């Protein structure tokens, strides 16, 4: 049975996933209350993770996401705050597990979106051609403008985070 804390976390994340899909945005009005509720639930629930683990999970997830936010322009501030919220609810170890599942599932969703947009056969053909040119000329051939634009599709991490939470909760 899912605890109240886990149910609230899933509710906040589902709301973020819906807005991320529809408007390509994760609203502060979703994640800030979620972070606060995550901290409050860690204190209020006697069988919960405890405020220290909640704070550690929040800090680790926020720190890792801050690095990804700086290094990868497709990761937005809403993604950062959403994964930090996940850490506040799940704690250090389960928050880390949830964040890693979010990255794996986000990459899978991104690849599926790329295949849907470009087509599987065309994608394999372009990759093989690029690898062949790289091997032939013995240096990395830069991508064309069209290829770069295709790869700059926005990521949707909120749906991936929701699925990641389900995986983490199912494995406990």
N, C-alpha and C. Protein backbone atom coordinates (compact mmCIF):
# COMPACT_ATOMS: atom_id res chain seq x y z
N UNK A 1 0.84 -1.18 0.00
CA UNK A 1 0.00 0.00 0.00
C UNK A 1 0.88 1.25 0.00
N UNK A 2 0.49 2.23 -0.75
CA UNK A 2 1.26 3.46 -0.88
C UNK A 2 0.96 4.37 0.31
N UNK A 3 2.00 4.92 0.91
CA UNK A 3 1.82 5.84 2.04
C UNK A 3 1.28 7.18 1.54
N UNK A 4 0.81 7.98 2.47
CA UNK A 4 0.32 9.31 2.14
C UNK A 4 1.42 10.14 1.49
N UNK A 5 2.63 10.05 2.03
CA UNK A 5 3.76 10.79 1.49
C UNK A 5 4.03 10.41 0.04
N UNK A 6 4.04 9.12 -0.25
CA UNK A 6 4.29 8.66 -1.62
C UNK A 6 3.16 9.07 -2.55
N UNK A 7 1.92 9.01 -2.05
CA UNK A 7 0.78 9.44 -2.86
C UNK A 7 0.85 10.91 -3.21
N UNK A 8 1.25 11.73 -2.25
CA UNK A 8 1.40 13.17 -2.51
C UNK A 8 2.52 13.42 -3.52
N UNK A 9 3.65 12.72 -3.35
CA UNK A 9 4.76 12.88 -4.29
C UNK A 9 4.32 12.52 -5.70
N UNK A 10 3.62 11.40 -5.85
CA UNK A 10 3.14 11.00 -7.18
C UNK A 10 2.16 12.02 -7.74
N UNK A 11 1.32 12.61 -6.89
CA UNK A 11 0.38 13.63 -7.34
C UNK A 11 1.09 14.87 -7.86
N UNK A 12 2.06 15.36 -7.11
CA UNK A 12 2.82 16.53 -7.56
C UNK A 12 3.56 16.23 -8.87
N UNK A 13 4.15 15.06 -8.94
CA UNK A 13 4.93 14.72 -10.14
C UNK A 13 4.02 14.50 -11.34
N UNK A 14 2.85 13.90 -11.13
CA UNK A 14 1.91 13.72 -12.23
C UNK A 14 1.43 15.08 -12.75
N UNK A 15 1.17 16.01 -11.85
CA UNK A 15 0.78 17.36 -12.27
C UNK A 15 1.90 18.00 -13.10
N UNK A 16 3.14 17.83 -12.66
CA UNK A 16 4.28 18.38 -13.42
C UNK A 16 4.41 17.70 -14.77
N UNK A 17 4.16 16.39 -14.83
CA UNK A 17 4.26 15.67 -16.10
C UNK A 17 3.21 16.16 -17.09
N UNK A 18 2.01 16.41 -16.61
CA UNK A 18 0.94 16.90 -17.49
C UNK A 18 1.30 18.28 -18.05
N UNK A 19 1.76 19.18 -17.19
CA UNK A 19 2.11 20.51 -17.68
C UNK A 19 3.34 20.47 -18.58
N UNK A 20 4.27 19.55 -18.30
CA UNK A 20 5.46 19.41 -19.14
C UNK A 20 5.07 18.92 -20.53
N UNK A 21 4.13 18.00 -20.60
CA UNK A 21 3.68 17.49 -21.90
C UNK A 21 2.88 18.54 -22.66
N UNK A 22 1.94 19.20 -21.97
CA UNK A 22 1.05 20.14 -22.65
C UNK A 22 1.71 21.47 -22.96
N UNK A 23 2.41 22.06 -22.00
CA UNK A 23 2.94 23.41 -22.16
C UNK A 23 4.46 23.47 -22.17
N UNK A 24 5.12 22.33 -22.11
CA UNK A 24 6.59 22.29 -22.10
C UNK A 24 7.16 23.11 -20.94
N UNK A 25 6.47 23.02 -19.80
CA UNK A 25 6.88 23.82 -18.65
C UNK A 25 6.48 23.09 -17.38
N UNK A 26 7.36 23.16 -16.38
CA UNK A 26 7.05 22.65 -15.04
C UNK A 26 6.93 23.88 -14.16
N UNK A 27 5.74 24.10 -13.64
CA UNK A 27 5.45 25.33 -12.93
C UNK A 27 5.98 25.32 -11.49
N UNK A 28 6.47 26.49 -11.06
CA UNK A 28 6.91 26.65 -9.67
C UNK A 28 5.77 26.38 -8.70
N UNK A 29 4.55 26.69 -9.13
CA UNK A 29 3.39 26.48 -8.26
C UNK A 29 3.14 24.99 -8.00
N UNK A 30 3.80 24.13 -8.75
CA UNK A 30 3.72 22.69 -8.50
C UNK A 30 4.89 22.22 -7.64
N UNK A 31 6.11 22.61 -8.01
CA UNK A 31 7.29 22.03 -7.34
C UNK A 31 7.60 22.67 -5.99
N UNK A 32 7.41 23.97 -5.83
CA UNK A 32 7.73 24.58 -4.53
C UNK A 32 6.85 24.03 -3.40
N UNK A 33 5.52 23.97 -3.60
CA UNK A 33 4.72 23.32 -2.56
C UNK A 33 5.09 21.85 -2.38
N UNK A 34 5.47 21.18 -3.47
CA UNK A 34 5.88 19.78 -3.38
C UNK A 34 7.12 19.60 -2.52
N UNK A 35 8.08 20.49 -2.68
CA UNK A 35 9.30 20.43 -1.86
C UNK A 35 8.94 20.65 -0.39
N UNK A 36 8.11 21.65 -0.13
CA UNK A 36 7.70 21.94 1.24
C UNK A 36 6.95 20.75 1.85
N UNK A 37 6.03 20.17 1.10
CA UNK A 37 5.27 19.02 1.60
C UNK A 37 6.20 17.83 1.82
N UNK A 38 7.19 17.65 0.94
CA UNK A 38 8.16 16.57 1.13
C UNK A 38 8.91 16.70 2.44
N UNK A 39 9.36 17.92 2.75
CA UNK A 39 10.05 18.16 4.02
C UNK A 39 9.09 17.95 5.21
N UNK A 40 7.87 18.49 5.11
CA UNK A 40 6.91 18.37 6.20
C UNK A 40 6.53 16.91 6.45
N UNK A 41 6.36 16.13 5.38
CA UNK A 41 6.01 14.72 5.55
C UNK A 41 7.15 13.94 6.18
N UNK A 42 8.38 14.33 5.90
CA UNK A 42 9.52 13.62 6.50
C UNK A 42 9.58 13.86 8.01
N UNK A 43 9.05 14.98 8.47
CA UNK A 43 9.02 15.29 9.90
C UNK A 43 7.76 14.71 10.54
N UNK A 44 6.62 14.82 9.87
CA UNK A 44 5.33 14.46 10.46
C UNK A 44 5.10 12.95 10.53
N UNK A 45 5.62 12.20 9.58
CA UNK A 45 5.36 10.77 9.52
C UNK A 45 6.38 10.02 10.38
N UNK A 46 5.94 9.37 11.46
CA UNK A 46 6.89 8.67 12.34
C UNK A 46 7.61 7.50 11.64
N UNK A 47 6.98 6.89 10.65
CA UNK A 47 7.64 5.83 9.89
C UNK A 47 8.28 6.36 8.62
N UNK A 48 8.34 7.67 8.48
CA UNK A 48 8.91 8.29 7.28
C UNK A 48 10.44 8.25 7.28
N UNK A 49 11.01 8.95 6.36
CA UNK A 49 12.47 8.91 6.18
C UNK A 49 13.21 9.79 7.17
N UNK A 50 12.57 10.74 7.78
CA UNK A 50 13.23 11.65 8.71
C UNK A 50 13.74 12.88 7.98
N UNK A 51 13.81 13.98 8.71
CA UNK A 51 14.17 15.25 8.07
C UNK A 51 15.61 15.27 7.57
N UNK A 52 16.53 14.55 8.23
CA UNK A 52 17.93 14.55 7.79
C UNK A 52 18.07 13.87 6.43
N UNK A 53 17.40 12.70 6.28
CA UNK A 53 17.46 11.98 5.01
C UNK A 53 16.76 12.77 3.91
N UNK A 54 15.66 13.43 4.27
CA UNK A 54 14.94 14.25 3.31
C UNK A 54 15.82 15.41 2.82
N UNK A 55 16.47 16.06 3.76
CA UNK A 55 17.35 17.18 3.40
C UNK A 55 18.55 16.70 2.57
N UNK A 56 19.12 15.55 2.94
CA UNK A 56 20.25 15.00 2.18
C UNK A 56 19.82 14.62 0.76
N UNK A 57 18.64 13.99 0.63
CA UNK A 57 18.14 13.63 -0.70
C UNK A 57 17.88 14.86 -1.56
N UNK A 58 17.28 15.87 -0.94
CA UNK A 58 17.03 17.12 -1.64
C UNK A 58 18.35 17.74 -2.11
N UNK A 59 19.33 17.80 -1.21
CA UNK A 59 20.62 18.42 -1.55
C UNK A 59 21.36 17.68 -2.65
N UNK A 60 21.41 16.35 -2.56
CA UNK A 60 22.12 15.57 -3.58
C UNK A 60 21.44 15.72 -4.93
N UNK A 61 20.12 15.53 -4.96
CA UNK A 61 19.40 15.62 -6.24
C UNK A 61 19.49 17.02 -6.83
N UNK A 62 19.35 18.04 -5.99
CA UNK A 62 19.45 19.42 -6.48
C UNK A 62 20.86 19.70 -6.99
N UNK A 63 21.88 19.22 -6.29
CA UNK A 63 23.26 19.46 -6.71
C UNK A 63 23.59 18.81 -8.04
N UNK A 64 23.20 17.55 -8.20
CA UNK A 64 23.45 16.86 -9.47
C UNK A 64 22.68 17.53 -10.60
N UNK A 65 21.44 17.89 -10.34
CA UNK A 65 20.64 18.54 -11.37
C UNK A 65 21.15 19.93 -11.70
N UNK A 66 21.74 20.61 -10.73
CA UNK A 66 22.34 21.91 -11.00
C UNK A 66 23.49 21.78 -11.99
N UNK A 67 24.30 20.74 -11.82
CA UNK A 67 25.40 20.49 -12.76
C UNK A 67 24.85 20.20 -14.15
N UNK A 68 23.81 19.36 -14.24
CA UNK A 68 23.23 19.06 -15.55
C UNK A 68 22.57 20.29 -16.16
N UNK A 69 21.97 21.13 -15.32
CA UNK A 69 21.33 22.37 -15.79
C UNK A 69 22.36 23.29 -16.43
N UNK A 70 23.55 23.37 -15.82
CA UNK A 70 24.61 24.23 -16.33
C UNK A 70 25.23 23.65 -17.60
N UNK A 71 25.40 22.34 -17.63
CA UNK A 71 26.13 21.71 -18.74
C UNK A 71 25.26 21.40 -19.96
N UNK A 72 23.97 21.16 -19.75
CA UNK A 72 23.10 20.76 -20.86
C UNK A 72 21.95 21.75 -20.98
N UNK A 73 21.92 22.51 -22.07
CA UNK A 73 20.89 23.55 -22.20
C UNK A 73 19.47 23.02 -22.31
N UNK A 74 19.29 21.74 -22.64
CA UNK A 74 17.92 21.22 -22.76
C UNK A 74 17.29 20.89 -21.40
N UNK A 75 18.10 20.88 -20.34
CA UNK A 75 17.57 20.66 -18.99
C UNK A 75 17.18 22.02 -18.42
N UNK A 76 15.93 22.15 -18.04
CA UNK A 76 15.45 23.43 -17.54
C UNK A 76 15.43 23.50 -16.03
N UNK A 77 15.14 24.69 -15.54
CA UNK A 77 15.06 24.91 -14.10
C UNK A 77 13.93 24.12 -13.45
N UNK A 78 12.83 23.91 -14.17
CA UNK A 78 11.73 23.11 -13.65
C UNK A 78 12.15 21.67 -13.43
N UNK A 79 12.95 21.13 -14.36
CA UNK A 79 13.47 19.77 -14.20
C UNK A 79 14.33 19.68 -12.95
N UNK A 80 15.17 20.68 -12.74
CA UNK A 80 16.04 20.71 -11.55
C UNK A 80 15.19 20.66 -10.29
N UNK A 81 14.20 21.53 -10.20
CA UNK A 81 13.38 21.62 -8.99
C UNK A 81 12.52 20.36 -8.81
N UNK A 82 12.07 19.77 -9.90
CA UNK A 82 11.25 18.57 -9.80
C UNK A 82 12.06 17.40 -9.22
N UNK A 83 13.27 17.20 -9.70
CA UNK A 83 14.10 16.10 -9.20
C UNK A 83 14.54 16.39 -7.76
N UNK A 84 14.78 17.66 -7.43
CA UNK A 84 15.09 18.01 -6.04
C UNK A 84 13.90 17.68 -5.14
N UNK A 85 12.68 17.93 -5.63
CA UNK A 85 11.48 17.58 -4.88
C UNK A 85 11.42 16.07 -4.65
N UNK A 86 11.77 15.32 -5.68
CA UNK A 86 11.79 13.87 -5.55
C UNK A 86 12.75 13.45 -4.44
N UNK A 87 13.90 14.08 -4.37
CA UNK A 87 14.86 13.79 -3.31
C UNK A 87 14.33 14.13 -1.93
N UNK A 88 13.55 15.22 -1.83
CA UNK A 88 12.97 15.60 -0.54
C UNK A 88 11.96 14.55 -0.06
N UNK A 89 11.23 13.96 -0.97
CA UNK A 89 10.26 12.93 -0.60
C UNK A 89 10.92 11.58 -0.35
N UNK A 90 11.91 11.22 -1.18
CA UNK A 90 12.44 9.86 -1.14
C UNK A 90 13.67 9.70 -0.25
N UNK A 91 14.38 10.78 0.04
CA UNK A 91 15.59 10.67 0.83
C UNK A 91 16.81 10.44 -0.04
N UNK A 92 17.95 10.20 0.59
CA UNK A 92 19.22 10.15 -0.13
C UNK A 92 19.32 8.97 -1.09
N UNK A 93 19.24 7.73 -0.60
CA UNK A 93 19.49 6.59 -1.48
C UNK A 93 18.36 6.39 -2.49
N UNK A 94 17.12 6.46 -2.04
CA UNK A 94 16.01 6.27 -2.98
C UNK A 94 15.86 7.48 -3.91
N UNK A 95 16.21 8.66 -3.43
CA UNK A 95 16.20 9.84 -4.29
C UNK A 95 17.23 9.72 -5.41
N UNK A 96 18.43 9.22 -5.05
CA UNK A 96 19.46 8.99 -6.07
C UNK A 96 18.99 7.95 -7.08
N UNK A 97 18.39 6.87 -6.57
CA UNK A 97 17.86 5.84 -7.47
C UNK A 97 16.80 6.42 -8.40
N UNK A 98 15.91 7.23 -7.85
CA UNK A 98 14.87 7.85 -8.67
C UNK A 98 15.43 8.80 -9.71
N UNK A 99 16.45 9.55 -9.32
CA UNK A 99 17.08 10.48 -10.26
C UNK A 99 17.75 9.70 -11.40
N UNK A 100 18.45 8.63 -11.08
CA UNK A 100 19.11 7.84 -12.11
C UNK A 100 18.09 7.19 -13.04
N UNK A 101 17.00 6.67 -12.48
CA UNK A 101 15.93 6.13 -13.32
C UNK A 101 15.33 7.22 -14.20
N UNK A 102 15.21 8.42 -13.67
CA UNK A 102 14.69 9.54 -14.47
C UNK A 102 15.59 9.80 -15.68
N UNK A 103 16.91 9.78 -15.47
CA UNK A 103 17.84 9.99 -16.59
C UNK A 103 17.71 8.87 -17.62
N UNK A 104 17.65 7.62 -17.16
CA UNK A 104 17.55 6.48 -18.09
C UNK A 104 16.25 6.55 -18.87
N UNK A 105 15.15 6.75 -18.18
CA UNK A 105 13.85 6.81 -18.85
C UNK A 105 13.73 8.05 -19.73
N UNK A 106 14.29 9.17 -19.30
CA UNK A 106 14.29 10.38 -20.13
C UNK A 106 15.06 10.17 -21.42
N UNK A 107 16.20 9.48 -21.32
CA UNK A 107 16.98 9.17 -22.54
C UNK A 107 16.19 8.25 -23.46
N UNK A 108 15.53 7.25 -22.87
CA UNK A 108 14.73 6.34 -23.69
C UNK A 108 13.58 7.07 -24.38
N UNK A 109 12.90 7.96 -23.65
CA UNK A 109 11.82 8.73 -24.25
C UNK A 109 12.35 9.65 -25.34
N UNK A 110 13.53 10.24 -25.12
CA UNK A 110 14.15 11.09 -26.13
C UNK A 110 14.50 10.32 -27.39
N UNK A 111 15.03 9.11 -27.23
CA UNK A 111 15.37 8.28 -28.39
C UNK A 111 14.10 7.87 -29.13
N UNK A 112 13.06 7.53 -28.38
CA UNK A 112 11.79 7.18 -29.03
C UNK A 112 11.23 8.37 -29.80
N UNK A 113 11.34 9.57 -29.24
CA UNK A 113 10.87 10.78 -29.92
C UNK A 113 11.70 11.03 -31.18
N UNK A 114 13.01 10.81 -31.10
CA UNK A 114 13.88 10.98 -32.26
C UNK A 114 13.52 9.98 -33.35
N UNK A 115 13.29 8.74 -32.98
CA UNK A 115 12.89 7.73 -33.96
C UNK A 115 11.55 8.09 -34.58
N UNK A 116 10.62 8.57 -33.76
CA UNK A 116 9.31 8.96 -34.27
C UNK A 116 9.44 10.12 -35.26
N UNK A 117 10.31 11.08 -34.95
CA UNK A 117 10.47 12.27 -35.79
C UNK A 117 11.21 11.97 -37.08
N UNK A 118 12.33 11.26 -36.97
CA UNK A 118 13.21 11.03 -38.13
C UNK A 118 12.84 9.74 -38.86
N UNK A 119 12.45 8.74 -38.13
CA UNK A 119 12.20 7.41 -38.70
C UNK A 119 13.39 6.51 -38.40
N UNK A 120 13.10 5.27 -38.05
CA UNK A 120 14.16 4.34 -37.63
C UNK A 120 15.16 4.07 -38.74
N UNK A 121 14.67 3.80 -39.94
CA UNK A 121 15.56 3.48 -41.06
C UNK A 121 16.43 4.68 -41.41
N UNK A 122 15.83 5.85 -41.50
CA UNK A 122 16.58 7.06 -41.83
C UNK A 122 17.61 7.38 -40.74
N UNK A 123 17.24 7.18 -39.49
CA UNK A 123 18.16 7.44 -38.38
C UNK A 123 19.37 6.51 -38.45
N UNK A 124 19.14 5.22 -38.66
CA UNK A 124 20.24 4.26 -38.77
C UNK A 124 21.11 4.61 -39.98
N UNK A 125 20.49 4.99 -41.07
CA UNK A 125 21.23 5.35 -42.28
C UNK A 125 22.13 6.57 -42.03
N UNK A 126 21.59 7.59 -41.35
CA UNK A 126 22.37 8.80 -41.07
C UNK A 126 23.53 8.51 -40.12
N UNK A 127 23.28 7.72 -39.09
CA UNK A 127 24.35 7.37 -38.15
C UNK A 127 25.43 6.57 -38.85
N UNK A 128 25.05 5.58 -39.65
CA UNK A 128 26.03 4.76 -40.37
C UNK A 128 26.85 5.61 -41.33
N UNK A 129 26.20 6.51 -42.04
CA UNK A 129 26.91 7.40 -42.98
C UNK A 129 27.91 8.29 -42.23
N UNK A 130 27.47 8.83 -41.10
CA UNK A 130 28.36 9.70 -40.32
C UNK A 130 29.55 8.92 -39.78
N UNK A 131 29.32 7.72 -39.29
CA UNK A 131 30.43 6.88 -38.80
C UNK A 131 31.38 6.51 -39.93
N UNK A 132 30.82 6.20 -41.11
CA UNK A 132 31.67 5.86 -42.25
C UNK A 132 32.57 7.04 -42.64
N UNK A 133 32.00 8.25 -42.68
CA UNK A 133 32.81 9.44 -43.00
C UNK A 133 33.88 9.68 -41.94
N UNK A 134 33.54 9.47 -40.69
CA UNK A 134 34.50 9.66 -39.60
C UNK A 134 35.65 8.67 -39.73
N UNK A 135 35.35 7.42 -40.03
CA UNK A 135 36.41 6.41 -40.20
C UNK A 135 37.23 6.68 -41.46
N UNK A 136 36.58 7.11 -42.52
CA UNK A 136 37.27 7.37 -43.79
C UNK A 136 38.27 8.52 -43.67
N UNK A 137 37.85 9.61 -43.05
CA UNK A 137 38.72 10.78 -42.95
C UNK A 137 39.50 10.85 -41.63
N UNK A 138 39.24 9.92 -40.73
CA UNK A 138 39.97 9.77 -39.47
C UNK A 138 39.89 10.99 -38.54
N UNK A 139 38.79 11.67 -38.59
CA UNK A 139 38.48 12.70 -37.59
C UNK A 139 36.96 12.85 -37.55
N UNK A 140 36.50 13.40 -36.46
CA UNK A 140 35.06 13.52 -36.26
C UNK A 140 34.51 14.60 -37.18
N UNK A 141 33.57 14.21 -38.00
CA UNK A 141 32.92 15.12 -38.94
C UNK A 141 31.82 15.86 -38.18
N UNK A 142 31.82 17.18 -38.19
CA UNK A 142 30.76 17.91 -37.47
C UNK A 142 29.39 17.66 -38.11
N UNK A 143 28.38 17.72 -37.28
CA UNK A 143 27.01 17.54 -37.77
C UNK A 143 26.58 18.74 -38.60
N UNK A 144 25.72 18.49 -39.56
CA UNK A 144 25.18 19.59 -40.36
C UNK A 144 24.18 20.37 -39.50
N UNK A 145 23.80 21.53 -39.98
CA UNK A 145 22.84 22.37 -39.26
C UNK A 145 21.51 21.63 -39.08
N UNK A 146 21.06 20.95 -40.11
CA UNK A 146 19.81 20.19 -40.04
C UNK A 146 19.91 19.06 -39.02
N UNK A 147 21.04 18.37 -38.98
CA UNK A 147 21.23 17.29 -38.00
C UNK A 147 21.26 17.83 -36.57
N UNK A 148 21.90 18.97 -36.38
CA UNK A 148 21.94 19.58 -35.04
C UNK A 148 20.56 20.01 -34.58
N UNK A 149 19.76 20.58 -35.49
CA UNK A 149 18.40 21.00 -35.14
C UNK A 149 17.54 19.80 -34.75
N UNK A 150 17.72 18.69 -35.46
CA UNK A 150 16.96 17.48 -35.13
C UNK A 150 17.28 17.00 -33.73
N UNK A 151 18.53 17.12 -33.32
CA UNK A 151 18.95 16.64 -32.00
C UNK A 151 18.63 17.63 -30.88
N UNK A 152 18.13 18.81 -31.19
CA UNK A 152 17.84 19.81 -30.18
C UNK A 152 16.38 19.80 -29.75
N UNK A 153 15.76 18.63 -29.85
CA UNK A 153 14.38 18.51 -29.39
C UNK A 153 14.36 18.69 -27.87
N UNK A 154 13.32 19.32 -27.35
CA UNK A 154 13.24 19.48 -25.89
C UNK A 154 13.00 18.15 -25.19
N UNK A 155 13.67 17.97 -24.06
CA UNK A 155 13.47 16.77 -23.26
C UNK A 155 12.25 16.96 -22.37
N UNK A 156 11.58 15.90 -22.08
CA UNK A 156 10.44 15.89 -21.16
C UNK A 156 10.81 15.00 -19.98
N UNK A 157 11.45 15.59 -18.97
CA UNK A 157 11.89 14.79 -17.83
C UNK A 157 10.78 14.52 -16.82
N UNK A 158 9.74 15.32 -16.78
CA UNK A 158 8.69 15.11 -15.78
C UNK A 158 7.96 13.77 -15.98
N UNK A 159 7.57 13.40 -17.20
CA UNK A 159 6.98 12.06 -17.35
C UNK A 159 7.96 10.95 -16.97
N UNK A 160 9.23 11.15 -17.30
CA UNK A 160 10.24 10.16 -16.92
C UNK A 160 10.38 10.09 -15.40
N UNK A 161 10.30 11.23 -14.72
CA UNK A 161 10.40 11.26 -13.26
C UNK A 161 9.21 10.53 -12.63
N UNK A 162 8.02 10.70 -13.20
CA UNK A 162 6.84 10.01 -12.68
C UNK A 162 7.03 8.49 -12.79
N UNK A 163 7.47 8.03 -13.96
CA UNK A 163 7.71 6.60 -14.15
C UNK A 163 8.82 6.11 -13.23
N UNK A 164 9.85 6.93 -13.04
CA UNK A 164 10.96 6.55 -12.15
C UNK A 164 10.47 6.38 -10.72
N UNK A 165 9.59 7.26 -10.28
CA UNK A 165 9.04 7.14 -8.92
C UNK A 165 8.26 5.85 -8.76
N UNK A 166 7.49 5.49 -9.78
CA UNK A 166 6.75 4.23 -9.72
C UNK A 166 7.69 3.04 -9.61
N UNK A 167 8.80 3.08 -10.35
CA UNK A 167 9.78 1.99 -10.27
C UNK A 167 10.41 1.92 -8.88
N UNK A 168 10.81 3.08 -8.35
CA UNK A 168 11.43 3.09 -7.02
C UNK A 168 10.45 2.62 -5.95
N UNK A 169 9.21 3.06 -6.03
CA UNK A 169 8.22 2.64 -5.04
C UNK A 169 7.89 1.15 -5.16
N UNK A 170 7.89 0.63 -6.38
CA UNK A 170 7.59 -0.79 -6.58
C UNK A 170 8.73 -1.68 -6.08
N UNK A 171 9.94 -1.15 -6.04
CA UNK A 171 11.10 -1.96 -5.65
C UNK A 171 11.36 -1.97 -4.15
N UNK A 172 10.57 -1.24 -3.37
CA UNK A 172 10.84 -1.21 -1.93
C UNK A 172 10.16 -2.31 -1.18
